[in-house]
Amino acid sequence: QVQVVESGGGLVQAGGSLRLSCAVSGTMGSLGAMGWYRQAPGKQRELVAQINTGGRTNYADSVKGRATISRDNAKNTVYLEMNSLLSEDTAVYYCHAVLRFGGMSYWGKGTLVTVSS
């Protein structure tokens, strides 16, 4: 059974920082791209950052310069560090992982990040 477990959310003051972690286990095959999405109240889910197996990254314009995504391939874990947090960063953050072959993808249940001003 595939498990995607996020951690690190919570209440953060504006201007502060956070680090989210996501560990994936139980997949039938190695992972390809891993990433973080977020969904704010009343808005659609959007990509925050993505990283491929080689370490190539992609960021949403709204977090460029404030976010760093990284991964530990040996641990099937992806991290998201964000600083200079804004109230607009308040959202449920979801981890996403795609199998390297076969196209199957997995979502975590989400972790809430609330930025207080």
N, C-alpha and C. Protein backbone atom coordinates (compact mmCIF):
# COMPACT_ATOMS: atom_id res chain seq x y z
N GLN A 1 0.84 -1.19 0.00
CA GLN A 1 0.00 0.00 0.00
C GLN A 1 0.88 1.25 0.00
N VAL A 2 0.58 2.13 -0.93
CA VAL A 2 1.38 3.35 -1.06
C VAL A 2 0.97 4.34 0.04
N GLN A 3 1.98 4.90 0.67
CA GLN A 3 1.74 5.94 1.66
C GLN A 3 2.51 7.19 1.28
N VAL A 4 1.83 8.32 1.37
CA VAL A 4 2.44 9.62 1.12
C VAL A 4 2.16 10.46 2.36
N VAL A 5 3.18 10.69 3.13
CA VAL A 5 2.99 11.32 4.44
C VAL A 5 3.71 12.65 4.51
N GLU A 6 2.92 13.70 4.64
CA GLU A 6 3.48 15.05 4.75
C GLU A 6 3.61 15.45 6.21
N SER A 7 4.54 16.33 6.47
CA SER A 7 4.70 16.87 7.81
C SER A 7 5.31 18.26 7.72
N GLY A 8 5.15 19.02 8.79
CA GLY A 8 5.80 20.32 8.87
C GLY A 8 4.88 21.52 8.76
N GLY A 9 3.61 21.30 8.54
CA GLY A 9 2.70 22.43 8.46
C GLY A 9 2.41 23.01 9.84
N GLY A 10 1.66 24.09 9.84
CA GLY A 10 1.30 24.70 11.11
C GLY A 10 1.09 26.20 10.96
N LEU A 11 1.11 26.86 12.08
CA LEU A 11 0.91 28.32 12.12
C LEU A 11 2.26 29.01 12.12
N VAL A 12 2.43 29.93 11.19
CA VAL A 12 3.69 30.65 11.05
C VAL A 12 3.38 32.14 10.92
N GLN A 13 4.22 32.95 11.49
CA GLN A 13 4.03 34.39 11.36
C GLN A 13 4.50 34.87 10.00
N ALA A 14 3.86 35.90 9.51
CA ALA A 14 4.30 36.51 8.26
C ALA A 14 5.76 36.91 8.39
N GLY A 15 6.51 36.64 7.32
CA GLY A 15 7.93 36.91 7.34
C GLY A 15 8.76 35.75 7.84
N GLY A 16 8.09 34.77 8.38
CA GLY A 16 8.80 33.60 8.91
C GLY A 16 9.09 32.57 7.84
N SER A 17 9.47 31.40 8.30
CA SER A 17 9.84 30.34 7.37
C SER A 17 9.25 29.01 7.83
N LEU A 18 9.24 28.07 6.90
CA LEU A 18 8.75 26.73 7.22
C LEU A 18 9.50 25.71 6.39
N ARG A 19 9.43 24.48 6.82
CA ARG A 19 10.01 23.36 6.08
C ARG A 19 9.01 22.22 6.10
N LEU A 20 8.59 21.83 4.93
CA LEU A 20 7.68 20.71 4.79
C LEU A 20 8.46 19.49 4.31
N SER A 21 8.03 18.34 4.78
CA SER A 21 8.64 17.09 4.36
C SER A 21 7.54 16.15 3.87
N CYS A 22 7.92 15.29 2.95
CA CYS A 22 6.98 14.30 2.43
C CYS A 22 7.73 13.02 2.13
N ALA A 23 7.31 11.95 2.76
CA ALA A 23 7.93 10.65 2.54
C ALA A 23 6.95 9.73 1.83
N VAL A 24 7.43 9.09 0.80
CA VAL A 24 6.61 8.18 -0.01
C VAL A 24 7.14 6.77 0.18
N SER A 25 6.23 5.85 0.44
CA SER A 25 6.64 4.45 0.62
C SER A 25 5.62 3.52 -0.01
N GLY A 26 6.07 2.33 -0.30
CA GLY A 26 5.16 1.30 -0.79
C GLY A 26 4.90 1.30 -2.29
N THR A 27 5.63 2.11 -3.05
CA THR A 27 5.38 2.16 -4.49
C THR A 27 6.01 0.95 -5.19
N MET A 28 5.40 0.55 -6.31
CA MET A 28 5.93 -0.54 -7.11
C MET A 28 6.80 0.05 -8.20
N GLY A 29 7.95 0.54 -7.83
CA GLY A 29 8.85 1.16 -8.79
C GLY A 29 9.45 2.43 -8.24
N SER A 30 10.44 2.93 -8.94
CA SER A 30 11.12 4.13 -8.46
C SER A 30 10.32 5.38 -8.83
N LEU A 31 10.55 6.42 -8.09
CA LEU A 31 9.82 7.66 -8.29
C LEU A 31 10.51 8.55 -9.32
N GLY A 32 9.68 9.26 -10.05
CA GLY A 32 10.16 10.27 -10.97
C GLY A 32 10.01 11.62 -10.32
N ALA A 33 9.27 12.50 -10.97
CA ALA A 33 9.10 13.85 -10.43
C ALA A 33 8.34 13.82 -9.10
N MET A 34 8.75 14.70 -8.22
CA MET A 34 8.05 14.89 -6.95
C MET A 34 7.81 16.39 -6.81
N GLY A 35 6.76 16.72 -6.12
CA GLY A 35 6.47 18.15 -6.01
C GLY A 35 5.49 18.48 -4.93
N TRP A 36 5.26 19.79 -4.80
CA TRP A 36 4.33 20.33 -3.83
C TRP A 36 3.31 21.20 -4.55
N TYR A 37 2.07 20.98 -4.22
CA TYR A 37 0.98 21.81 -4.69
C TYR A 37 0.32 22.44 -3.46
N ARG A 38 -0.48 23.44 -3.69
CA ARG A 38 -1.23 24.02 -2.58
C ARG A 38 -2.61 24.46 -3.06
N GLN A 39 -3.52 24.49 -2.11
CA GLN A 39 -4.88 24.93 -2.41
C GLN A 39 -5.34 25.85 -1.29
N ALA A 40 -5.55 27.09 -1.64
CA ALA A 40 -6.05 28.07 -0.70
C ALA A 40 -7.58 28.04 -0.70
N PRO A 41 -8.20 28.50 0.36
CA PRO A 41 -9.67 28.49 0.41
C PRO A 41 -10.29 29.21 -0.78
N GLY A 42 -11.20 28.53 -1.46
CA GLY A 42 -11.89 29.12 -2.59
C GLY A 42 -11.10 29.18 -3.87
N LYS A 43 -9.92 28.57 -3.87
CA LYS A 43 -9.08 28.61 -5.07
C LYS A 43 -8.76 27.20 -5.54
N GLN A 44 -8.29 27.13 -6.77
CA GLN A 44 -7.90 25.84 -7.33
C GLN A 44 -6.53 25.43 -6.82
N ARG A 45 -6.30 24.15 -6.84
CA ARG A 45 -4.98 23.64 -6.47
C ARG A 45 -3.97 24.11 -7.51
N GLU A 46 -2.81 24.53 -7.03
CA GLU A 46 -1.78 25.04 -7.94
C GLU A 46 -0.43 24.46 -7.58
N LEU A 47 0.41 24.38 -8.60
CA LEU A 47 1.77 23.90 -8.38
C LEU A 47 2.57 24.95 -7.63
N VAL A 48 3.32 24.50 -6.64
CA VAL A 48 4.23 25.37 -5.92
C VAL A 48 5.65 25.15 -6.42
N ALA A 49 6.06 23.89 -6.43
CA ALA A 49 7.42 23.57 -6.86
C ALA A 49 7.48 22.09 -7.23
N GLN A 50 8.40 21.78 -8.13
CA GLN A 50 8.56 20.41 -8.59
C GLN A 50 10.04 20.13 -8.80
N ILE A 51 10.43 18.88 -8.59
CA ILE A 51 11.82 18.50 -8.78
C ILE A 51 11.86 17.12 -9.42
N ASN A 52 12.75 16.96 -10.42
CA ASN A 52 12.85 15.65 -11.06
C ASN A 52 13.98 14.84 -10.42
N THR A 53 14.21 13.67 -10.94
CA THR A 53 15.18 12.78 -10.31
C THR A 53 16.59 13.34 -10.40
N GLY A 54 16.84 14.15 -11.40
CA GLY A 54 18.17 14.73 -11.57
C GLY A 54 18.38 16.02 -10.80
N GLY A 55 17.33 16.46 -10.11
CA GLY A 55 17.46 17.68 -9.32
C GLY A 55 17.01 18.94 -10.03
N ARG A 56 16.49 18.80 -11.25
CA ARG A 56 16.00 19.99 -11.94
C ARG A 56 14.71 20.45 -11.28
N THR A 57 14.62 21.75 -11.06
CA THR A 57 13.48 22.28 -10.30
C THR A 57 12.64 23.25 -11.14
N ASN A 58 11.41 23.39 -10.69
CA ASN A 58 10.48 24.31 -11.33
C ASN A 58 9.64 24.93 -10.22
N TYR A 59 9.50 26.25 -10.26
CA TYR A 59 8.78 26.96 -9.20
C TYR A 59 7.67 27.83 -9.78
N ALA A 60 6.61 27.97 -9.01
CA ALA A 60 5.59 28.94 -9.35
C ALA A 60 6.19 30.34 -9.21
N ASP A 61 5.74 31.24 -10.06
CA ASP A 61 6.27 32.61 -9.99
C ASP A 61 6.06 33.23 -8.62
N SER A 62 4.97 32.86 -7.97
CA SER A 62 4.61 33.46 -6.69
C SER A 62 5.57 33.09 -5.56
N VAL A 63 6.35 32.03 -5.75
CA VAL A 63 7.27 31.61 -4.68
C VAL A 63 8.73 31.66 -5.10
N LYS A 64 9.00 32.03 -6.34
CA LYS A 64 10.39 32.09 -6.80
C LYS A 64 11.19 33.03 -5.92
N GLY A 65 12.35 32.57 -5.53
CA GLY A 65 13.21 33.37 -4.66
C GLY A 65 12.91 33.19 -3.19
N ARG A 66 11.77 32.56 -2.87
CA ARG A 66 11.40 32.34 -1.48
C ARG A 66 11.31 30.87 -1.13
N ALA A 67 11.31 30.02 -2.14
CA ALA A 67 11.11 28.59 -1.90
C ALA A 67 12.28 27.79 -2.46
N THR A 68 12.57 26.69 -1.79
CA THR A 68 13.59 25.75 -2.27
C THR A 68 13.04 24.35 -2.10
N ILE A 69 12.98 23.62 -3.20
CA ILE A 69 12.56 22.22 -3.15
C ILE A 69 13.79 21.34 -3.28
N SER A 70 13.80 20.26 -2.54
CA SER A 70 14.91 19.32 -2.61
C SER A 70 14.37 17.92 -2.36
N ARG A 71 15.19 16.94 -2.65
CA ARG A 71 14.74 15.56 -2.45
C ARG A 71 15.90 14.68 -2.04
N ASP A 72 15.55 13.61 -1.37
CA ASP A 72 16.51 12.56 -1.01
C ASP A 72 16.01 11.30 -1.69
N ASN A 73 16.63 10.95 -2.80
CA ASN A 73 16.15 9.81 -3.57
C ASN A 73 16.23 8.50 -2.80
N ALA A 74 17.23 8.38 -1.97
CA ALA A 74 17.39 7.15 -1.20
C ALA A 74 16.25 6.96 -0.20
N LYS A 75 15.68 8.07 0.24
CA LYS A 75 14.60 8.01 1.23
C LYS A 75 13.22 8.27 0.61
N ASN A 76 13.18 8.46 -0.71
CA ASN A 76 11.90 8.79 -1.37
C ASN A 76 11.20 9.94 -0.65
N THR A 77 11.98 10.95 -0.34
CA THR A 77 11.47 12.08 0.43
C THR A 77 11.73 13.38 -0.32
N VAL A 78 10.75 14.26 -0.25
CA VAL A 78 10.88 15.57 -0.86
C VAL A 78 10.63 16.62 0.20
N TYR A 79 11.34 17.72 0.10
CA TYR A 79 11.25 18.80 1.07
C TYR A 79 10.90 20.11 0.38
N LEU A 80 10.25 20.96 1.12
CA LEU A 80 9.98 22.31 0.64
C LEU A 80 10.31 23.29 1.75
N GLU A 81 11.24 24.17 1.49
CA GLU A 81 11.56 25.23 2.43
C GLU A 81 11.07 26.54 1.84
N MET A 82 10.37 27.30 2.66
CA MET A 82 9.89 28.60 2.22
C MET A 82 10.23 29.64 3.27
N ASN A 83 10.63 30.80 2.82
CA ASN A 83 10.90 31.89 3.75
C ASN A 83 10.14 33.13 3.30
N SER A 84 10.26 34.17 4.10
CA SER A 84 9.53 35.43 3.83
C SER A 84 8.07 35.14 3.54
N LEU A 85 7.48 34.33 4.41
CA LEU A 85 6.10 33.90 4.18
C LEU A 85 5.12 35.07 4.19
N LEU A 86 4.13 34.95 3.32
CA LEU A 86 3.08 35.96 3.18
C LEU A 86 1.75 35.34 3.55
N SER A 87 0.79 36.19 3.86
CA SER A 87 -0.53 35.66 4.18
C SER A 87 -1.10 34.87 3.00
N GLU A 88 -0.69 35.27 1.79
CA GLU A 88 -1.17 34.58 0.59
C GLU A 88 -0.63 33.15 0.48
N ASP A 89 0.36 32.82 1.28
CA ASP A 89 0.89 31.45 1.28
C ASP A 89 0.03 30.51 2.11
N THR A 90 -0.96 31.05 2.81
CA THR A 90 -1.85 30.21 3.60
C THR A 90 -2.62 29.28 2.67
N ALA A 91 -2.51 27.98 2.94
CA ALA A 91 -3.13 26.99 2.07
C ALA A 91 -2.89 25.61 2.66
N VAL A 92 -3.58 24.64 2.09
CA VAL A 92 -3.24 23.25 2.36
C VAL A 92 -2.20 22.85 1.31
N TYR A 93 -1.09 22.34 1.77
CA TYR A 93 0.00 21.95 0.89
C TYR A 93 -0.02 20.43 0.70
N TYR A 94 -0.01 20.04 -0.57
CA TYR A 94 -0.10 18.64 -0.92
C TYR A 94 1.20 18.17 -1.58
N CYS A 95 1.62 17.00 -1.19
CA CYS A 95 2.77 16.36 -1.82
C CYS A 95 2.27 15.52 -2.99
N HIS A 96 3.04 15.52 -4.06
CA HIS A 96 2.68 14.75 -5.25
C HIS A 96 3.92 14.02 -5.75
N ALA A 97 3.73 12.78 -6.13
CA ALA A 97 4.85 11.99 -6.65
C ALA A 97 4.36 11.16 -7.82
N VAL A 98 5.22 11.02 -8.80
CA VAL A 98 4.90 10.26 -10.01
C VAL A 98 5.88 9.12 -10.15
N LEU A 99 5.37 7.95 -10.51
CA LEU A 99 6.28 6.84 -10.78
C LEU A 99 7.13 7.16 -12.01
N ARG A 100 8.36 6.73 -11.97
CA ARG A 100 9.26 7.02 -13.08
C ARG A 100 8.79 6.34 -14.36
N PHE A 101 8.22 5.16 -14.24
CA PHE A 101 7.70 4.44 -15.39
C PHE A 101 6.27 4.00 -15.08
N GLY A 102 5.41 4.13 -16.05
CA GLY A 102 4.04 3.68 -15.86
C GLY A 102 3.03 4.79 -15.66
N GLY A 103 3.51 5.97 -15.25
CA GLY A 103 2.63 7.12 -15.18
C GLY A 103 1.75 7.25 -13.96
N MET A 104 1.80 6.29 -13.05
CA MET A 104 0.95 6.42 -11.87
C MET A 104 1.47 7.55 -10.99
N SER A 105 0.53 8.24 -10.36
CA SER A 105 0.91 9.32 -9.47
C SER A 105 0.16 9.19 -8.15
N TYR A 106 0.71 9.84 -7.15
CA TYR A 106 0.17 9.71 -5.80
C TYR A 106 0.12 11.08 -5.14
N TRP A 107 -0.90 11.26 -4.31
CA TRP A 107 -1.08 12.49 -3.56
C TRP A 107 -1.07 12.21 -2.07
N GLY A 108 -0.53 13.13 -1.33
CA GLY A 108 -0.68 13.08 0.11
C GLY A 108 -2.02 13.67 0.51
N LYS A 109 -2.32 13.59 1.79
CA LYS A 109 -3.60 14.10 2.29
C LYS A 109 -3.56 15.60 2.53
N GLY A 110 -2.37 16.16 2.54
CA GLY A 110 -2.24 17.60 2.71
C GLY A 110 -1.87 17.99 4.12
N THR A 111 -1.15 19.09 4.21
CA THR A 111 -0.81 19.67 5.51
C THR A 111 -1.10 21.16 5.46
N LEU A 112 -1.79 21.64 6.47
CA LEU A 112 -2.23 23.03 6.48
C LEU A 112 -1.12 23.96 6.94
N VAL A 113 -0.91 24.99 6.16
CA VAL A 113 0.01 26.06 6.53
C VAL A 113 -0.80 27.34 6.66
N THR A 114 -0.75 27.93 7.82
CA THR A 114 -1.46 29.18 8.06
C THR A 114 -0.43 30.26 8.40
N VAL A 115 -0.44 31.31 7.62
CA VAL A 115 0.48 32.42 7.85
C VAL A 115 -0.30 33.57 8.47
N SER A 116 0.07 33.94 9.67
CA SER A 116 -0.64 35.02 10.37
C SER A 116 0.08 36.34 10.17
N SER A 117 -0.70 37.38 9.95
CA SER A 117 -0.10 38.70 9.72
C SER A 117 -0.06 39.52 11.02
